[in-house]
């Protein structure tokens, strides 16, 4: 039984290490992922460990505003 259609929303995850360090000098950009979250289960900001191709390692990706 569905209670509402606005329960799951799309969110953008951005690499926190790239934002703080300003990324490598030869590659401009930052790693971003798109995922969904359930507002009832996780009302606060989402943070996941994902691979960043600019840092060449797994880093924490935090939720950003769209």
N, C-alpha and C. Protein backbone atom coordinates (compact mmCIF):
# COMPACT_ATOMS: atom_id res chain seq x y z
N UNK A 1 0.84 -1.16 0.00
CA UNK A 1 0.00 0.00 0.00
C UNK A 1 0.89 1.24 0.00
N UNK A 2 0.81 2.06 -1.02
CA UNK A 2 1.63 3.25 -1.15
C UNK A 2 1.02 4.39 -0.34
N UNK A 3 1.87 5.08 0.42
CA UNK A 3 1.38 6.19 1.24
C UNK A 3 1.59 7.53 0.58
N UNK A 4 2.57 7.63 -0.32
CA UNK A 4 2.82 8.90 -0.98
C UNK A 4 3.91 8.74 -2.01
N UNK A 5 3.92 9.62 -2.99
CA UNK A 5 4.91 9.50 -4.04
C UNK A 5 6.14 10.36 -3.78
N UNK A 6 6.09 11.22 -2.77
CA UNK A 6 7.22 12.09 -2.47
C UNK A 6 8.09 11.55 -1.35
N UNK A 7 8.03 10.26 -1.09
CA UNK A 7 8.83 9.67 -0.02
C UNK A 7 10.27 9.51 -0.47
N UNK A 8 10.50 9.01 -1.68
CA UNK A 8 11.86 8.83 -2.19
C UNK A 8 12.19 9.99 -3.14
N UNK A 9 13.29 10.67 -2.83
CA UNK A 9 13.69 11.82 -3.64
C UNK A 9 15.09 11.59 -4.20
N UNK A 10 15.40 12.11 -5.39
CA UNK A 10 16.76 12.00 -5.92
C UNK A 10 17.69 13.00 -5.23
N UNK A 11 18.92 12.56 -4.96
CA UNK A 11 19.92 13.43 -4.33
C UNK A 11 21.23 13.34 -5.10
N UNK A 12 22.03 14.39 -5.02
CA UNK A 12 23.36 14.43 -5.62
C UNK A 12 24.40 14.25 -4.54
N UNK A 13 25.38 13.36 -4.77
CA UNK A 13 26.48 13.15 -3.85
C UNK A 13 27.75 13.67 -4.51
N UNK A 14 28.51 14.49 -3.78
CA UNK A 14 29.74 15.08 -4.32
C UNK A 14 30.91 14.73 -3.41
N UNK A 15 32.08 14.51 -4.01
CA UNK A 15 33.28 14.14 -3.27
C UNK A 15 33.70 15.29 -2.36
N UNK A 16 33.85 15.01 -1.07
CA UNK A 16 34.24 16.05 -0.13
C UNK A 16 35.74 16.34 -0.18
N UNK A 17 36.55 15.36 -0.56
CA UNK A 17 38.00 15.57 -0.64
C UNK A 17 38.35 16.48 -1.82
N UNK A 18 37.67 16.34 -2.94
CA UNK A 18 37.94 17.19 -4.11
C UNK A 18 37.55 18.63 -3.83
N UNK A 19 36.45 18.83 -3.12
CA UNK A 19 35.98 20.18 -2.83
C UNK A 19 36.96 20.88 -1.89
N UNK A 20 37.46 20.17 -0.89
CA UNK A 20 38.39 20.78 0.07
C UNK A 20 39.76 21.03 -0.54
N UNK A 21 40.27 20.08 -1.31
CA UNK A 21 41.63 20.18 -1.85
C UNK A 21 41.69 20.93 -3.17
N UNK A 22 40.58 21.20 -3.80
CA UNK A 22 40.59 21.89 -5.09
C UNK A 22 40.95 20.99 -6.25
N UNK A 23 40.92 19.69 -6.08
CA UNK A 23 41.18 18.68 -7.11
C UNK A 23 42.62 18.80 -7.63
N UNK A 24 43.05 17.80 -8.34
CA UNK A 24 44.39 17.82 -8.94
C UNK A 24 44.50 18.95 -9.94
N UNK A 25 45.69 19.46 -10.12
CA UNK A 25 45.89 20.59 -11.03
C UNK A 25 45.63 20.23 -12.49
N UNK A 26 45.92 18.99 -12.88
CA UNK A 26 45.77 18.62 -14.29
C UNK A 26 44.33 18.28 -14.66
N UNK A 27 43.48 17.93 -13.70
CA UNK A 27 42.09 17.59 -14.03
C UNK A 27 41.15 18.49 -13.22
N UNK A 28 40.38 19.30 -13.91
CA UNK A 28 39.42 20.16 -13.24
C UNK A 28 38.07 19.46 -13.18
N UNK A 29 37.49 19.41 -12.00
CA UNK A 29 36.19 18.77 -11.83
C UNK A 29 36.09 18.11 -10.48
N UNK A 30 34.93 17.56 -10.21
CA UNK A 30 34.73 16.81 -8.98
C UNK A 30 33.78 15.66 -9.27
N UNK A 31 33.94 14.60 -8.50
CA UNK A 31 33.15 13.40 -8.71
C UNK A 31 31.75 13.59 -8.14
N UNK A 32 30.72 13.25 -8.93
CA UNK A 32 29.34 13.34 -8.48
C UNK A 32 28.60 12.06 -8.82
N UNK A 33 27.74 11.64 -7.92
CA UNK A 33 26.87 10.48 -8.10
C UNK A 33 25.43 10.91 -7.87
N UNK A 34 24.49 10.24 -8.53
CA UNK A 34 23.06 10.48 -8.33
C UNK A 34 22.47 9.21 -7.71
N UNK A 35 21.71 9.39 -6.65
CA UNK A 35 21.06 8.26 -5.99
C UNK A 35 19.72 8.75 -5.42
N UNK A 36 19.02 7.87 -4.73
CA UNK A 36 17.75 8.22 -4.11
C UNK A 36 17.83 7.94 -2.62
N UNK A 37 17.04 8.69 -1.85
CA UNK A 37 16.96 8.40 -0.43
C UNK A 37 15.51 8.50 0.03
N UNK A 38 15.20 7.78 1.09
CA UNK A 38 13.87 7.78 1.68
C UNK A 38 13.84 8.84 2.78
N UNK A 39 12.95 9.82 2.66
CA UNK A 39 12.89 10.91 3.63
C UNK A 39 12.43 10.46 5.01
N UNK A 40 11.62 9.40 5.08
CA UNK A 40 11.14 8.92 6.38
C UNK A 40 12.26 8.23 7.15
N UNK A 41 13.12 7.48 6.46
CA UNK A 41 14.19 6.74 7.13
C UNK A 41 15.43 7.58 7.38
N UNK A 42 15.79 8.48 6.45
CA UNK A 42 16.99 9.30 6.58
C UNK A 42 16.65 10.77 6.34
N UNK A 43 16.17 11.47 7.36
CA UNK A 43 15.82 12.88 7.17
C UNK A 43 17.03 13.80 7.08
N UNK A 44 18.18 13.39 7.65
CA UNK A 44 19.37 14.24 7.60
C UNK A 44 20.18 13.97 6.33
N UNK A 45 21.28 14.69 6.15
CA UNK A 45 22.08 14.57 4.92
C UNK A 45 22.75 13.21 4.83
N UNK A 46 22.84 12.71 3.61
CA UNK A 46 23.38 11.39 3.33
C UNK A 46 24.87 11.48 3.02
N UNK A 47 25.68 10.55 3.56
CA UNK A 47 27.10 10.46 3.26
C UNK A 47 27.44 9.00 2.98
N UNK A 48 28.04 8.75 1.82
CA UNK A 48 28.41 7.40 1.42
C UNK A 48 29.86 7.35 0.99
N UNK A 49 30.49 6.19 1.14
CA UNK A 49 31.85 5.98 0.69
C UNK A 49 31.82 5.49 -0.75
N UNK A 50 32.28 6.33 -1.69
CA UNK A 50 32.25 6.00 -3.12
C UNK A 50 33.63 6.23 -3.71
N UNK A 51 33.87 5.68 -4.91
CA UNK A 51 35.15 5.87 -5.59
C UNK A 51 35.16 7.19 -6.34
N UNK A 52 36.23 7.95 -6.18
CA UNK A 52 36.41 9.22 -6.88
C UNK A 52 37.49 9.05 -7.95
N UNK A 53 37.16 9.22 -9.23
CA UNK A 53 38.17 9.05 -10.28
C UNK A 53 39.21 10.17 -10.31
N UNK A 54 38.93 11.29 -9.68
CA UNK A 54 39.90 12.39 -9.65
C UNK A 54 40.91 12.22 -8.53
N UNK A 55 40.49 11.66 -7.40
CA UNK A 55 41.40 11.39 -6.27
C UNK A 55 42.06 10.01 -6.40
N UNK A 56 41.51 9.14 -7.23
CA UNK A 56 41.98 7.76 -7.43
C UNK A 56 41.90 6.94 -6.14
N UNK A 57 40.85 7.17 -5.33
CA UNK A 57 40.64 6.37 -4.12
C UNK A 57 39.19 6.51 -3.68
N UNK A 58 38.81 5.70 -2.69
CA UNK A 58 37.46 5.78 -2.13
C UNK A 58 37.43 6.91 -1.11
N UNK A 59 36.49 7.84 -1.27
CA UNK A 59 36.35 8.97 -0.36
C UNK A 59 34.88 9.12 0.04
N UNK A 60 34.65 9.98 1.02
CA UNK A 60 33.28 10.24 1.46
C UNK A 60 32.62 11.22 0.50
N UNK A 61 31.46 10.84 0.00
CA UNK A 61 30.66 11.69 -0.87
C UNK A 61 29.45 12.14 -0.07
N UNK A 62 29.27 13.45 0.07
CA UNK A 62 28.17 14.00 0.84
C UNK A 62 27.07 14.57 -0.04
N UNK A 63 25.89 14.65 0.51
CA UNK A 63 24.73 15.17 -0.23
C UNK A 63 24.86 16.68 -0.40
N UNK A 64 24.54 17.17 -1.61
CA UNK A 64 24.57 18.60 -1.89
C UNK A 64 23.20 19.03 -2.38
N UNK A 65 22.95 20.34 -2.37
CA UNK A 65 21.70 20.86 -2.90
C UNK A 65 21.74 20.83 -4.41
N UNK A 66 20.59 20.62 -5.04
CA UNK A 66 20.53 20.55 -6.50
C UNK A 66 20.44 21.92 -7.11
